[in-house]
Amino acid sequence: MSYKKNDKNGWALFLLILSGIVLGGFLGSLAKDIKFLEWINYGQDFGMHNPLKLDLQVLELDFRIYFNITIGSIIGIVAGIFVYRKL
């Protein structure tokens, strides 16, 4: 089976976008103390700040989903898509 340019893997795109989000957020947190790069860490957080608790007497579960989207994360997403298109 030969590889065609149009037969790209969706999992590769997902992993590249996910790694772009993580690396962009990490670089944004590193740049927050540098005066001319602090804009990279600017963003909005949303999600469930208070966890949903499920107490089953034997087992207690806490569910919480929380996103912090920054400009660094958005730059990472764009970089991940760019790398995917170059594959």
C-alpha atoms as a PDB file:
ATOM      1  CA  MET A   1       0.000   0.000   0.000  1.00  0.00           C
ATOM      2  CA  SER A   2       1.550   3.282  -1.046  1.00  0.00           C
ATOM      3  CA  TYR A   3       1.333   6.530   0.861  1.00  0.00           C
ATOM      4  CA  LYS A   4      -0.489   9.361  -0.876  1.00  0.00           C
ATOM      5  CA  LYS A   5      -0.240  13.040   0.030  1.00  0.00           C
ATOM      6  CA  ASN A   6      -3.989  13.208   0.726  1.00  0.00           C
ATOM      7  CA  ASP A   7      -4.005  10.177   3.056  1.00  0.00           C
ATOM      8  CA  LYS A   8      -3.072  12.043   6.239  1.00  0.00           C
ATOM      9  CA  ASN A   9      -3.731  10.636   9.650  1.00  0.00           C
ATOM     10  CA  GLY A  10      -6.245  12.455  11.859  1.00  0.00           C
ATOM     11  CA  TRP A  11      -4.487  11.247  15.001  1.00  0.00           C
ATOM     12  CA  ALA A  12      -1.305  12.987  13.891  1.00  0.00           C
ATOM     13  CA  LEU A  13      -3.222  16.258  13.598  1.00  0.00           C
ATOM     14  CA  PHE A  14      -4.773  15.736  17.035  1.00  0.00           C
ATOM     15  CA  LEU A  15      -1.402  15.021  18.646  1.00  0.00           C
ATOM     16  CA  LEU A  16       0.272  17.979  16.941  1.00  0.00           C
ATOM     17  CA  ILE A  17      -2.500  20.343  18.061  1.00  0.00           C
ATOM     18  CA  LEU A  18      -2.386  18.946  21.596  1.00  0.00           C
ATOM     19  CA  SER A  19       1.386  19.302  21.779  1.00  0.00           C
ATOM     20  CA  GLY A  20       1.075  22.840  20.381  1.00  0.00           C
ATOM     21  CA  ILE A  21      -1.397  23.743  23.124  1.00  0.00           C
ATOM     22  CA  VAL A  22       0.857  22.340  25.837  1.00  0.00           C
ATOM     23  CA  LEU A  23       4.069  23.890  24.491  1.00  0.00           C
ATOM     24  CA  GLY A  24       2.395  27.242  23.816  1.00  0.00           C
ATOM     25  CA  GLY A  25       0.950  27.346  27.323  1.00  0.00           C
ATOM     26  CA  PHE A  26       4.310  26.370  28.807  1.00  0.00           C
ATOM     27  CA  LEU A  27       6.161  29.051  26.844  1.00  0.00           C
ATOM     28  CA  GLY A  28       3.497  31.566  27.837  1.00  0.00           C
ATOM     29  CA  SER A  29       3.964  30.758  31.516  1.00  0.00           C
ATOM     30  CA  LEU A  30       7.734  31.142  31.101  1.00  0.00           C
ATOM     31  CA  ALA A  31       7.320  34.504  29.367  1.00  0.00           C
ATOM     32  CA  LYS A  32       4.914  36.037  31.892  1.00  0.00           C
ATOM     33  CA  ASP A  33       7.723  37.702  33.862  1.00  0.00           C
ATOM     34  CA  ILE A  34       9.392  39.237  30.796  1.00  0.00           C
ATOM     35  CA  LYS A  35       7.943  42.692  30.221  1.00  0.00           C
ATOM     36  CA  PHE A  36       7.801  42.716  26.406  1.00  0.00           C
ATOM     37  CA  LEU A  37       6.577  39.079  26.172  1.00  0.00           C
ATOM     38  CA  GLU A  38       3.890  39.092  28.867  1.00  0.00           C
ATOM     39  CA  TRP A  39       1.164  39.397  26.205  1.00  0.00           C
ATOM     40  CA  ILE A  40       1.792  35.739  25.271  1.00  0.00           C
ATOM     41  CA  ASN A  41       0.351  34.632  28.620  1.00  0.00           C
ATOM     42  CA  TYR A  42      -2.813  36.746  28.233  1.00  0.00           C
ATOM     43  CA  GLY A  43      -5.943  34.629  28.008  1.00  0.00           C
ATOM     44  CA  GLN A  44      -9.289  33.558  29.333  1.00  0.00           C
ATOM     45  CA  ASP A  45     -10.162  30.622  31.527  1.00  0.00           C
ATOM     46  CA  PHE A  46     -13.478  28.816  31.487  1.00  0.00           C
ATOM     47  CA  GLY A  47     -14.962  25.588  32.690  1.00  0.00           C
ATOM     48  CA  MET A  48     -16.235  24.077  35.922  1.00  0.00           C
ATOM     49  CA  HIS A  49     -14.335  25.824  38.714  1.00  0.00           C
ATOM     50  CA  ASN A  50     -16.258  23.988  41.422  1.00  0.00           C
ATOM     51  CA  PRO A  51     -15.947  20.221  41.035  1.00  0.00           C
ATOM     52  CA  LEU A  52     -18.990  17.999  40.628  1.00  0.00           C
ATOM     53  CA  LYS A  53     -18.919  15.576  43.565  1.00  0.00           C
ATOM     54  CA  LEU A  54     -20.361  12.085  43.464  1.00  0.00           C
ATOM     55  CA  ASP A  55     -20.394  10.334  46.827  1.00  0.00           C
ATOM     56  CA  LEU A  56     -21.232   6.628  46.665  1.00  0.00           C
ATOM     57  CA  GLN A  57     -20.362   5.953  50.339  1.00  0.00           C
ATOM     58  CA  VAL A  58     -17.653   3.516  49.253  1.00  0.00           C
ATOM     59  CA  LEU A  59     -16.160   5.690  46.548  1.00  0.00           C
ATOM     60  CA  GLU A  60     -16.121   9.465  46.197  1.00  0.00           C
ATOM     61  CA  LEU A  61     -15.515  10.975  42.761  1.00  0.00           C
ATOM     62  CA  ASP A  62     -14.764  14.586  41.848  1.00  0.00           C
ATOM     63  CA  PHE A  63     -15.216  15.784  38.263  1.00  0.00           C
ATOM     64  CA  ARG A  64     -13.794  19.083  37.039  1.00  0.00           C
ATOM     65  CA  ILE A  65     -13.061  20.396  33.562  1.00  0.00           C
ATOM     66  CA  TYR A  66     -11.086  23.612  33.356  1.00  0.00           C
ATOM     67  CA  PHE A  67      -9.506  25.277  30.301  1.00  0.00           C
ATOM     68  CA  ASN A  68      -7.072  28.175  30.244  1.00  0.00           C
ATOM     69  CA  ILE A  69      -6.681  29.378  26.669  1.00  0.00           C
ATOM     70  CA  THR A  70      -3.832  31.856  26.162  1.00  0.00           C
ATOM     71  CA  ILE A  71      -2.335  33.536  23.138  1.00  0.00           C
ATOM     72  CA  GLY A  72       0.631  31.175  23.473  1.00  0.00           C
ATOM     73  CA  SER A  73      -1.752  28.213  23.199  1.00  0.00           C
ATOM     74  CA  ILE A  74      -3.357  29.686  20.094  1.00  0.00           C
ATOM     75  CA  ILE A  75       0.074  30.221  18.537  1.00  0.00           C
ATOM     76  CA  GLY A  76       0.864  26.587  19.404  1.00  0.00           C
ATOM     77  CA  ILE A  77      -2.332  25.388  17.700  1.00  0.00           C
ATOM     78  CA  VAL A  78      -1.455  27.342  14.555  1.00  0.00           C
ATOM     79  CA  ALA A  79       2.096  25.944  14.627  1.00  0.00           C
ATOM     80  CA  GLY A  80       0.740  22.390  15.038  1.00  0.00           C
ATOM     81  CA  ILE A  81      -1.575  22.796  12.045  1.00  0.00           C
ATOM     82  CA  PHE A  82       1.293  24.300  10.026  1.00  0.00           C
ATOM     83  CA  VAL A  83       3.550  21.332  10.843  1.00  0.00           C
ATOM     84  CA  TYR A  84       0.736  18.916   9.955  1.00  0.00           C
ATOM     85  CA  ARG A  85       0.241  20.554   6.564  1.00  0.00           C
ATOM     86  CA  LYS A  86       3.975  20.259   5.864  1.00  0.00           C
ATOM     87  CA  LEU A  87       3.991  16.490   6.581  1.00  0.00           C
END
